Amino acid sequence: MDTTRNLIQGSGLGLRRSFLTEIIENPAPQVDFYEVAPENWIPLGGKLGKQFRAMTERYDFICHGLSLSIGSSDPLDEKFVHQVKDFMREHQMKFYSEHLSYCSSEGHMYDLMPIPFTSDAVTHVADRIKRVQDILEQRLVIENVSYYAEPGKEMTEIEFFNAVVEEADCDVLLDVNNIYVNSINHGYNAEAFLKSIPAHRITYAHIAGHYVEADDFLVDTHGAEIIDPVWKLLGKAYELYGVFPTLLERDFNIPSIAELMKEVKTIKTIQNSWGNEHERISA
């Protein structure tokens, strides 16, 4: 089975329809790759479809799914997985990532729900990931998610996450903001969690902003600027594991392209800083 690692590099941006035309007319040299949710782009035709094709012919793209519902008890939507596979081949997408969560139970719930941290759930989810990988003929990339409840908890979040990716033999999308948000909401040490991630499986990372509901309650919204502790946690990840591709997510309150580029540039600055540091140490 093909590995997904080392297929992209540098700093990325989640592509949104609201600024598609602007990006085409004024290319952003800071962006090395783009990410899209296949659910939002598979059915495109007409002018938007042509614009999207112009982008995928020029830049590296990856898929980040919203509705696979990998932890659900509903039957796996294999028809959708085949659609994603065809979409990836059509646009030369590098790989497909999804959330370690579920969003359906006899119908879509339009939210990402927490999977119980249990051994039974590990087996259930890993089996479904393996089936997706068999269809795709490449590894699925699984993201650590934000969550606000721990139903049926038998193990810690990191124990559950690591058990799933090990049993499924899949790759990892490291969401730095989710680690920070969960560390505040559930009272654990973010750096300790980061140090427990299976580094050899990391394909790329997400970084985003969040909403502060209270000092001890953060909401993962992707609708605000990234705060300093999250940037520092990204730097710590590079310090521990070397520099890996990292993508800016912004889904709500989307600012100007110029403002987005400031955060993409910050990713690149931190990458360059730690890349130079690792070169110095290994010299």
C-alpha atoms as a PDB file:
ATOM      1  CA  MET A   1       0.000   0.000   0.000  1.00  0.00           C
ATOM      2  CA  ASP A   2       1.325   3.430  -0.930  1.00  0.00           C
ATOM      3  CA  THR A   3       2.478   5.692   1.895  1.00  0.00           C
ATOM      4  CA  THR A   4       1.216   9.272   1.955  1.00  0.00           C
ATOM      5  CA  ARG A   5       4.294  10.780   3.538  1.00  0.00           C
ATOM      6  CA  ASN A   6       6.725  13.073   1.707  1.00  0.00           C
ATOM      7  CA  LEU A   7       4.235  13.825  -1.080  1.00  0.00           C
ATOM      8  CA  ILE A   8       3.913  17.523  -0.179  1.00  0.00           C
ATOM      9  CA  GLN A   9       6.119  20.064   1.528  1.00  0.00           C
ATOM     10  CA  GLY A  10       6.114  23.571   2.960  1.00  0.00           C
ATOM     11  CA  SER A  11       3.090  25.620   4.025  1.00  0.00           C
ATOM     12  CA  GLY A  12      -0.484  25.159   2.876  1.00  0.00           C
ATOM     13  CA  LEU A  13      -3.905  26.806   2.910  1.00  0.00           C
ATOM     14  CA  GLY A  14      -7.427  25.466   2.968  1.00  0.00           C
ATOM     15  CA  LEU A  15      -9.020  26.619  -0.309  1.00  0.00           C
ATOM     16  CA  ARG A  16     -12.454  28.233   0.049  1.00  0.00           C
ATOM     17  CA  ARG A  17     -14.830  29.194  -2.752  1.00  0.00           C
ATOM     18  CA  SER A  18     -15.078  32.736  -1.358  1.00  0.00           C
ATOM     19  CA  PHE A  19     -11.540  33.553  -2.457  1.00  0.00           C
ATOM     20  CA  LEU A  20     -11.037  31.114  -5.349  1.00  0.00           C
ATOM     21  CA  THR A  21     -11.231  33.798  -8.039  1.00  0.00           C
ATOM     22  CA  GLU A  22      -8.883  36.115  -6.164  1.00  0.00           C
ATOM     23  CA  ILE A  23      -6.268  33.383  -5.714  1.00  0.00           C
ATOM     24  CA  ILE A  24      -6.391  32.536  -9.415  1.00  0.00           C
ATOM     25  CA  GLU A  25      -6.016  36.185 -10.428  1.00  0.00           C
ATOM     26  CA  ASN A  26      -3.364  36.934  -7.789  1.00  0.00           C
ATOM     27  CA  PRO A  27      -1.405  33.735  -7.032  1.00  0.00           C
ATOM     28  CA  ALA A  28       0.008  33.405  -3.522  1.00  0.00           C
ATOM     29  CA  PRO A  29       3.680  32.377  -3.712  1.00  0.00           C
ATOM     30  CA  GLN A  30       3.738  31.668   0.029  1.00  0.00           C
ATOM     31  CA  VAL A  31       1.334  28.724  -0.442  1.00  0.00           C
ATOM     32  CA  ASP A  32       2.984  25.451  -1.450  1.00  0.00           C
ATOM     33  CA  PHE A  33      -0.160  23.310  -1.416  1.00  0.00           C
ATOM     34  CA  TYR A  34      -3.924  23.570  -0.974  1.00  0.00           C
ATOM     35  CA  GLU A  35      -6.501  21.445   0.802  1.00  0.00           C
ATOM     36  CA  VAL A  36     -10.190  20.966  -0.010  1.00  0.00           C
ATOM     37  CA  ALA A  37     -13.105  19.035   1.430  1.00  0.00           C
ATOM     38  CA  PRO A  38     -14.109  16.632  -1.364  1.00  0.00           C
ATOM     39  CA  GLU A  39     -17.771  16.915  -0.347  1.00  0.00           C
ATOM     40  CA  ASN A  40     -17.714  20.587  -1.366  1.00  0.00           C
ATOM     41  CA  TRP A  41     -15.899  20.179  -4.684  1.00  0.00           C
ATOM     42  CA  ILE A  42     -16.834  16.815  -6.239  1.00  0.00           C
ATOM     43  CA  PRO A  43     -20.163  18.091  -7.645  1.00  0.00           C
ATOM     44  CA  LEU A  44     -18.716  21.320  -9.082  1.00  0.00           C
ATOM     45  CA  GLY A  45     -19.253  22.172 -12.716  1.00  0.00           C
ATOM     46  CA  GLY A  46     -19.488  25.304 -14.832  1.00  0.00           C
ATOM     47  CA  LYS A  47     -17.239  28.284 -14.132  1.00  0.00           C
ATOM     48  CA  LEU A  48     -16.279  27.134 -10.618  1.00  0.00           C
ATOM     49  CA  GLY A  49     -15.378  23.701 -11.924  1.00  0.00           C
ATOM     50  CA  LYS A  50     -13.121  25.214 -14.582  1.00  0.00           C
ATOM     51  CA  GLN A  51     -11.482  27.491 -12.019  1.00  0.00           C
ATOM     52  CA  PHE A  52     -10.901  24.569  -9.709  1.00  0.00           C
ATOM     53  CA  ARG A  53      -9.344  22.532 -12.506  1.00  0.00           C
ATOM     54  CA  ALA A  54      -7.015  25.456 -13.260  1.00  0.00           C
ATOM     55  CA  MET A  55      -5.860  25.383  -9.633  1.00  0.00           C
ATOM     56  CA  THR A  56      -5.340  21.612  -9.381  1.00  0.00           C
ATOM     57  CA  GLU A  57      -3.334  21.615 -12.617  1.00  0.00           C
ATOM     58  CA  ARG A  58      -0.981  24.207 -11.147  1.00  0.00           C
ATOM     59  CA  TYR A  59      -0.608  23.322  -7.464  1.00  0.00           C
ATOM     60  CA  ASP A  60      -0.358  20.300  -5.187  1.00  0.00           C
ATOM     61  CA  PHE A  61      -3.721  19.448  -3.599  1.00  0.00           C
ATOM     62  CA  ILE A  62      -4.897  17.176  -0.814  1.00  0.00           C
ATOM     63  CA  CYS A  63      -8.365  16.100   0.355  1.00  0.00           C
ATOM     64  CA  HIS A  64      -9.613  16.643   3.896  1.00  0.00           C
ATOM     65  CA  GLY A  65     -12.972  14.970   4.412  1.00  0.00           C
ATOM     66  CA  LEU A  66     -15.936  16.042   6.527  1.00  0.00           C
ATOM     67  CA  SER A  67     -18.469  13.229   6.263  1.00  0.00           C
ATOM     68  CA  LEU A  68     -16.752   9.836   6.147  1.00  0.00           C
ATOM     69  CA  SER A  69     -17.932   9.274   9.744  1.00  0.00           C
ATOM     70  CA  ILE A  70     -15.223   6.711  10.373  1.00  0.00           C
ATOM     71  CA  GLY A  71     -16.350   5.999  13.936  1.00  0.00           C
ATOM     72  CA  SER A  72     -20.047   5.533  13.204  1.00  0.00           C
ATOM     73  CA  SER A  73     -22.012   2.332  13.725  1.00  0.00           C
ATOM     74  CA  ASP A  74     -23.749   3.007  10.398  1.00  0.00           C
ATOM     75  CA  PRO A  75     -22.481   1.008   7.404  1.00  0.00           C
ATOM     76  CA  LEU A  76     -19.420   2.564   5.804  1.00  0.00           C
ATOM     77  CA  ASP A  77     -20.399   4.654   2.775  1.00  0.00           C
ATOM     78  CA  GLU A  78     -18.239   2.816   0.261  1.00  0.00           C
ATOM     79  CA  LYS A  79     -19.917   4.540  -2.681  1.00  0.00           C
ATOM     80  CA  PHE A  80     -18.663   7.861  -1.319  1.00  0.00           C
ATOM     81  CA  VAL A  81     -15.156   6.472  -0.784  1.00  0.00           C
ATOM     82  CA  HIS A  82     -15.074   5.400  -4.449  1.00  0.00           C
ATOM     83  CA  GLN A  83     -16.223   8.903  -5.448  1.00  0.00           C
ATOM     84  CA  VAL A  84     -13.362  10.374  -3.436  1.00  0.00           C
ATOM     85  CA  LYS A  85     -10.920   7.969  -5.083  1.00  0.00           C
ATOM     86  CA  ASP A  86     -12.106   9.035  -8.560  1.00  0.00           C
ATOM     87  CA  PHE A  87     -11.953  12.714  -7.567  1.00  0.00           C
ATOM     88  CA  MET A  88      -8.399  12.300  -6.307  1.00  0.00           C
ATOM     89  CA  ARG A  89      -7.309  10.598  -9.503  1.00  0.00           C
ATOM     90  CA  GLU A  90      -9.006  13.220 -11.676  1.00  0.00           C
ATOM     91  CA  HIS A  91      -7.200  16.066  -9.919  1.00  0.00           C
ATOM     92  CA  GLN A  92      -3.990  14.247  -8.930  1.00  0.00           C
ATOM     93  CA  MET A  93      -4.704  14.721  -5.229  1.00  0.00           C
ATOM     94  CA  LYS A  94      -1.843  13.551  -3.040  1.00  0.00           C
ATOM     95  CA  PHE A  95      -3.877  11.945  -0.249  1.00  0.00           C
ATOM     96  CA  TYR A  96      -7.096  11.915   1.768  1.00  0.00           C
ATOM     97  CA  SER A  97      -7.360  12.799   5.454  1.00  0.00           C
ATOM     98  CA  GLU A  98     -10.299  12.508   7.835  1.00  0.00           C
ATOM     99  CA  HIS A  99     -11.252  13.097  11.466  1.00  0.00           C
ATOM    100  CA  LEU A 100     -11.108  10.444  14.179  1.00  0.00           C
ATOM    101  CA  SER A 101     -14.760  11.001  14.992  1.00  0.00           C
ATOM    102  CA  TYR A 102     -18.219  10.310  13.602  1.00  0.00           C
ATOM    103  CA  CYS A 103     -20.977  12.503  12.230  1.00  0.00           C
ATOM    104  CA  SER A 104     -23.804  10.102  11.417  1.00  0.00           C
ATOM    105  CA  SER A 105     -26.219   7.775  13.168  1.00  0.00           C
ATOM    106  CA  GLU A 106     -29.056   6.759  10.882  1.00  0.00           C
ATOM    107  CA  GLY A 107     -28.502  10.067   9.123  1.00  0.00           C
ATOM    108  CA  HIS A 108     -25.987  12.899   9.214  1.00  0.00           C
ATOM    109  CA  MET A 109     -25.741  15.011  12.368  1.00  0.00           C
ATOM    110  CA  TYR A 110     -23.670  17.814  10.818  1.00  0.00           C
ATOM    111  CA  ASP A 111     -21.203  17.835  13.682  1.00  0.00           C
ATOM    112  CA  LEU A 112     -18.120  15.831  14.655  1.00  0.00           C
ATOM    113  CA  MET A 113     -18.943  13.630  17.637  1.00  0.00           C
ATOM    114  CA  PRO A 114     -16.427  11.984  20.010  1.00  0.00           C
ATOM    115  CA  ILE A 115     -15.821   8.265  19.667  1.00  0.00           C
ATOM    116  CA  PRO A 116     -15.761   6.465  23.057  1.00  0.00           C
ATOM    117  CA  PHE A 117     -12.178   5.799  24.130  1.00  0.00           C
ATOM    118  CA  THR A 118     -12.606   2.025  24.443  1.00  0.00           C
ATOM    119  CA  SER A 119     -10.824  -1.066  23.143  1.00  0.00           C
ATOM    120  CA  ASP A 120     -13.961  -2.147  21.261  1.00  0.00           C
ATOM    121  CA  ALA A 121     -14.037   1.226  19.514  1.00  0.00           C
ATOM    122  CA  VAL A 122     -10.363   0.859  18.579  1.00  0.00           C
ATOM    123  CA  THR A 123     -11.100  -2.398  16.757  1.00  0.00           C
ATOM    124  CA  HIS A 124     -14.276  -1.047  15.136  1.00  0.00           C
ATOM    125  CA  VAL A 125     -12.642   2.131  13.827  1.00  0.00           C
ATOM    126  CA  ALA A 126      -9.417   0.430  12.742  1.00  0.00           C
ATOM    127  CA  ASP A 127     -11.374  -2.126  10.702  1.00  0.00           C
ATOM    128  CA  ARG A 128     -13.251   0.675   8.929  1.00  0.00           C
ATOM    129  CA  ILE A 129     -10.036   2.569   8.216  1.00  0.00           C
ATOM    130  CA  LYS A 130      -8.516  -0.592   6.748  1.00  0.00           C
ATOM    131  CA  ARG A 131     -11.509  -0.964   4.429  1.00  0.00           C
ATOM    132  CA  VAL A 132     -11.168   2.645   3.250  1.00  0.00           C
ATOM    133  CA  GLN A 133      -7.474   2.060   2.621  1.00  0.00           C
ATOM    134  CA  ASP A 134      -8.224  -1.070   0.620  1.00  0.00           C
ATOM    135  CA  ILE A 135     -10.561   0.937  -1.635  1.00  0.00           C
ATOM    136  CA  LEU A 136      -8.225   3.922  -1.978  1.00  0.00           C
ATOM    137  CA  GLU A 137      -5.163   1.691  -2.440  1.00  0.00           C
ATOM    138  CA  GLN A 138      -3.248   4.059  -0.180  1.00  0.00           C
ATOM    139  CA  ARG A 139      -3.161   4.992   3.475  1.00  0.00           C
ATOM    140  CA  LEU A 140      -5.844   7.151   5.040  1.00  0.00           C
ATOM    141  CA  VAL A 141      -4.521  10.068   7.110  1.00  0.00           C
ATOM    142  CA  ILE A 142      -6.300  10.368  10.468  1.00  0.00           C
ATOM    143  CA  GLU A 143      -6.606  13.612  12.448  1.00  0.00           C
ATOM    144  CA  ASN A 144      -6.675  14.006  16.221  1.00  0.00           C
ATOM    145  CA  VAL A 145      -9.881  15.938  16.914  1.00  0.00           C
ATOM    146  CA  SER A 146     -11.232  18.409  19.434  1.00  0.00           C
ATOM    147  CA  TYR A 147     -13.955  17.010  21.690  1.00  0.00           C
ATOM    148  CA  TYR A 148     -16.068  18.282  24.568  1.00  0.00           C
ATOM    149  CA  ALA A 149     -17.212  15.069  26.279  1.00  0.00           C
ATOM    150  CA  GLU A 150     -15.685  11.654  27.026  1.00  0.00           C
ATOM    151  CA  PRO A 151     -18.503   9.083  26.827  1.00  0.00           C
ATOM    152  CA  GLY A 152     -17.621   5.579  28.037  1.00  0.00           C
ATOM    153  CA  LYS A 153     -13.971   6.471  28.553  1.00  0.00           C
ATOM    154  CA  GLU A 154     -11.686   3.480  29.281  1.00  0.00           C
ATOM    155  CA  MET A 155      -8.371   5.016  28.179  1.00  0.00           C
ATOM    156  CA  THR A 156      -6.871   8.431  27.565  1.00  0.00           C
ATOM    157  CA  GLU A 157      -7.241  10.331  24.313  1.00  0.00           C
ATOM    158  CA  ILE A 158      -3.640   9.732  23.274  1.00  0.00           C
ATOM    159  CA  GLU A 159      -3.831   6.025  24.162  1.00  0.00           C
ATOM    160  CA  PHE A 160      -6.962   5.703  22.031  1.00  0.00           C
ATOM    161  CA  PHE A 161      -5.539   7.692  19.132  1.00  0.00           C
ATOM    162  CA  ASN A 162      -2.285   5.741  19.069  1.00  0.00           C
ATOM    163  CA  ALA A 163      -4.059   2.391  19.359  1.00  0.00           C
ATOM    164  CA  VAL A 164      -6.283   3.195  16.365  1.00  0.00           C
ATOM    165  CA  VAL A 165      -3.506   4.361  14.046  1.00  0.00           C
ATOM    166  CA  GLU A 166      -1.283   1.434  15.049  1.00  0.00           C
ATOM    167  CA  GLU A 167      -3.960  -1.221  14.501  1.00  0.00           C
ATOM    168  CA  ALA A 168      -5.150   0.369  11.251  1.00  0.00           C
ATOM    169  CA  ASP A 169      -1.598   1.089  10.053  1.00  0.00           C
ATOM    170  CA  CYS A 170      -2.684   4.505   8.814  1.00  0.00           C
ATOM    171  CA  ASP A 171      -0.958   7.889   8.779  1.00  0.00           C
ATOM    172  CA  VAL A 172      -1.456  10.936  11.012  1.00  0.00           C
ATOM    173  CA  LEU A 173      -2.701  14.457  10.440  1.00  0.00           C
ATOM    174  CA  LEU A 174      -1.433  16.342  13.485  1.00  0.00           C
ATOM    175  CA  ASP A 175      -3.842  19.133  14.449  1.00  0.00           C
ATOM    176  CA  VAL A 176      -1.846  21.433  16.740  1.00  0.00           C
ATOM    177  CA  ASN A 177      -4.762  23.642  17.718  1.00  0.00           C
ATOM    178  CA  ASN A 178      -6.854  20.620  18.695  1.00  0.00           C
ATOM    179  CA  ILE A 179      -4.113  19.489  21.072  1.00  0.00           C
ATOM    180  CA  TYR A 180      -4.054  22.938  22.677  1.00  0.00           C
ATOM    181  CA  VAL A 181      -7.867  23.215  22.890  1.00  0.00           C
ATOM    182  CA  ASN A 182      -8.214  19.739  24.407  1.00  0.00           C
ATOM    183  CA  SER A 183      -5.384  20.372  26.871  1.00  0.00           C
ATOM    184  CA  ILE A 184      -7.265  23.365  28.275  1.00  0.00           C
ATOM    185  CA  ASN A 185     -10.709  21.765  28.209  1.00  0.00           C
ATOM    186  CA  HIS A 186      -9.621  18.410  29.668  1.00  0.00           C
ATOM    187  CA  GLY A 187      -6.708  19.500  31.829  1.00  0.00           C
ATOM    188  CA  TYR A 188      -3.743  17.670  30.334  1.00  0.00           C
ATOM    189  CA  ASN A 189      -0.249  18.769  29.316  1.00  0.00           C
ATOM    190  CA  ALA A 190      -0.130  19.653  25.608  1.00  0.00           C
ATOM    191  CA  GLU A 191       3.596  19.008  25.221  1.00  0.00           C
ATOM    192  CA  ALA A 192       3.305  15.599  26.879  1.00  0.00           C
ATOM    193  CA  PHE A 193       0.550  14.693  24.412  1.00  0.00           C
ATOM    194  CA  LEU A 194       2.677  15.930  21.521  1.00  0.00           C
ATOM    195  CA  LYS A 195       5.641  13.835  22.655  1.00  0.00           C
ATOM    196  CA  SER A 196       3.459  10.703  22.563  1.00  0.00           C
ATOM    197  CA  ILE A 197       2.415  11.081  18.908  1.00  0.00           C
ATOM    198  CA  PRO A 198       3.898   8.383  16.600  1.00  0.00           C
ATOM    199  CA  ALA A 199       6.181  10.766  14.712  1.00  0.00           C
ATOM    200  CA  HIS A 200       6.958   8.329  11.898  1.00  0.00           C
ATOM    201  CA  ARG A 201       3.299   8.448  10.870  1.00  0.00           C
ATOM    202  CA  ILE A 202       2.934  12.256  10.631  1.00  0.00           C
ATOM    203  CA  THR A 203       2.056  13.286   7.073  1.00  0.00           C
ATOM    204  CA  TYR A 204       1.204  16.922   7.694  1.00  0.00           C
ATOM    205  CA  ALA A 205      -0.274  19.275  10.290  1.00  0.00           C
ATOM    206  CA  HIS A 206      -3.178  21.674  10.709  1.00  0.00           C
ATOM    207  CA  ILE A 207      -3.022  24.913  12.618  1.00  0.00           C
ATOM    208  CA  ALA A 208      -6.004  27.172  13.299  1.00  0.00           C
ATOM    209  CA  GLY A 209      -7.649  29.620  15.662  1.00  0.00           C
ATOM    210  CA  HIS A 210     -10.321  29.027  18.281  1.00  0.00           C
ATOM    211  CA  TYR A 211     -12.944  30.831  20.369  1.00  0.00           C
ATOM    212  CA  VAL A 212     -12.456  31.471  24.075  1.00  0.00           C
ATOM    213  CA  GLU A 213     -15.745  30.727  25.829  1.00  0.00           C
ATOM    214  CA  ALA A 214     -14.089  30.816  29.278  1.00  0.00           C
ATOM    215  CA  ASP A 215     -10.604  30.481  30.745  1.00  0.00           C
ATOM    216  CA  ASP A 216     -11.103  26.719  30.966  1.00  0.00           C
ATOM    217  CA  PHE A 217     -13.318  26.221  27.913  1.00  0.00           C
ATOM    218  CA  LEU A 218     -12.173  26.746  24.330  1.00  0.00           C
ATOM    219  CA  VAL A 219     -14.161  26.033  21.162  1.00  0.00           C
ATOM    220  CA  ASP A 220     -12.374  24.861  17.998  1.00  0.00           C
ATOM    221  CA  THR A 221     -13.959  27.209  15.436  1.00  0.00           C
ATOM    222  CA  HIS A 222     -11.279  27.867  12.795  1.00  0.00           C
ATOM    223  CA  GLY A 223     -12.722  31.374  12.903  1.00  0.00           C
ATOM    224  CA  ALA A 224     -10.035  33.481  14.568  1.00  0.00           C
ATOM    225  CA  GLU A 225      -6.359  34.322  14.416  1.00  0.00           C
ATOM    226  CA  ILE A 226      -3.924  31.762  15.801  1.00  0.00           C
ATOM    227  CA  ILE A 227      -2.714  32.655  19.280  1.00  0.00           C
ATOM    228  CA  ASP A 228       0.863  32.599  20.520  1.00  0.00           C
ATOM    229  CA  PRO A 229       0.665  29.383  22.632  1.00  0.00           C
ATOM    230  CA  VAL A 230      -0.524  27.470  19.561  1.00  0.00           C
ATOM    231  CA  TRP A 231       2.313  28.873  17.435  1.00  0.00           C
ATOM    232  CA  LYS A 232       4.750  27.857  20.175  1.00  0.00           C
ATOM    233  CA  LEU A 233       3.292  24.344  20.238  1.00  0.00           C
ATOM    234  CA  LEU A 234       3.878  24.088  16.490  1.00  0.00           C
ATOM    235  CA  GLY A 235       7.487  25.114  17.055  1.00  0.00           C
ATOM    236  CA  LYS A 236       7.792  22.443  19.741  1.00  0.00           C
ATOM    237  CA  ALA A 237       6.497  19.842  17.273  1.00  0.00           C
ATOM    238  CA  TYR A 238       9.183  20.850  14.770  1.00  0.00           C
ATOM    239  CA  GLU A 239      11.774  20.763  17.536  1.00  0.00           C
ATOM    240  CA  LEU A 240      10.769  17.218  18.445  1.00  0.00           C
ATOM    241  CA  TYR A 241      10.201  15.725  15.005  1.00  0.00           C
ATOM    242  CA  GLY A 242      11.721  18.015  12.400  1.00  0.00           C
ATOM    243  CA  VAL A 243       9.784  20.215  10.000  1.00  0.00           C
ATOM    244  CA  PHE A 244       6.723  18.730   8.296  1.00  0.00           C
ATOM    245  CA  PRO A 245       4.121  20.279   5.945  1.00  0.00           C
ATOM    246  CA  THR A 246       1.667  22.500   7.810  1.00  0.00           C
ATOM    247  CA  LEU A 247      -1.621  23.981   6.634  1.00  0.00           C
ATOM    248  CA  LEU A 248      -3.634  26.985   7.808  1.00  0.00           C
ATOM    249  CA  GLU A 249      -7.344  26.312   8.347  1.00  0.00           C
ATOM    250  CA  ARG A 250      -9.806  29.198   8.311  1.00  0.00           C
ATOM    251  CA  ASP A 251     -13.495  28.339   7.869  1.00  0.00           C
ATOM    252  CA  PHE A 252     -15.406  31.263   9.428  1.00  0.00           C
ATOM    253  CA  ASN A 253     -14.897  35.028   9.673  1.00  0.00           C
ATOM    254  CA  ILE A 254     -12.563  34.631   6.712  1.00  0.00           C
ATOM    255  CA  PRO A 255     -10.388  37.736   6.429  1.00  0.00           C
ATOM    256  CA  SER A 256      -8.684  39.199   3.380  1.00  0.00           C
ATOM    257  CA  ILE A 257      -6.166  37.154   1.454  1.00  0.00           C
ATOM    258  CA  ALA A 258      -3.496  39.529   2.748  1.00  0.00           C
ATOM    259  CA  GLU A 259      -4.394  38.639   6.344  1.00  0.00           C
ATOM    260  CA  LEU A 260      -4.422  34.918   5.560  1.00  0.00           C
ATOM    261  CA  MET A 261      -1.008  35.237   3.959  1.00  0.00           C
ATOM    262  CA  LYS A 262       0.404  36.756   7.153  1.00  0.00           C
ATOM    263  CA  GLU A 263      -0.377  33.521   8.997  1.00  0.00           C
ATOM    264  CA  VAL A 264       0.891  31.372   6.130  1.00  0.00           C
ATOM    265  CA  LYS A 265       4.122  33.393   6.269  1.00  0.00           C
ATOM    266  CA  THR A 266       4.327  32.753  10.019  1.00  0.00           C
ATOM    267  CA  ILE A 267       4.125  29.005   9.356  1.00  0.00           C
ATOM    268  CA  LYS A 268       6.943  29.327   6.834  1.00  0.00           C
ATOM    269  CA  THR A 269       9.032  31.467   9.215  1.00  0.00           C
ATOM    270  CA  ILE A 270       8.762  28.875  11.989  1.00  0.00           C
ATOM    271  CA  GLN A 271       9.520  26.081   9.522  1.00  0.00           C
ATOM    272  CA  ASN A 272      12.616  27.890   8.256  1.00  0.00           C
ATOM    273  CA  SER A 273      13.772  28.610  11.803  1.00  0.00           C
ATOM    274  CA  TRP A 274      13.555  24.988  12.934  1.00  0.00           C
ATOM    275  CA  GLY A 275      14.814  23.679   9.598  1.00  0.00           C
ATOM    276  CA  ASN A 276      17.953  25.798  10.017  1.00  0.00           C
ATOM    277  CA  GLU A 277      18.295  24.649  13.622  1.00  0.00           C
ATOM    278  CA  HIS A 278      18.151  20.966  12.674  1.00  0.00           C
ATOM    279  CA  GLU A 279      20.737  21.561   9.932  1.00  0.00           C
ATOM    280  CA  ARG A 280      23.027  23.258  12.456  1.00  0.00           C
ATOM    281  CA  ILE A 281      22.695  20.418  14.959  1.00  0.00           C
ATOM    282  CA  SER A 282      23.319  17.711  12.330  1.00  0.00           C
ATOM    283  CA  ALA A 283      26.306  19.530  10.762  1.00  0.00           C
END
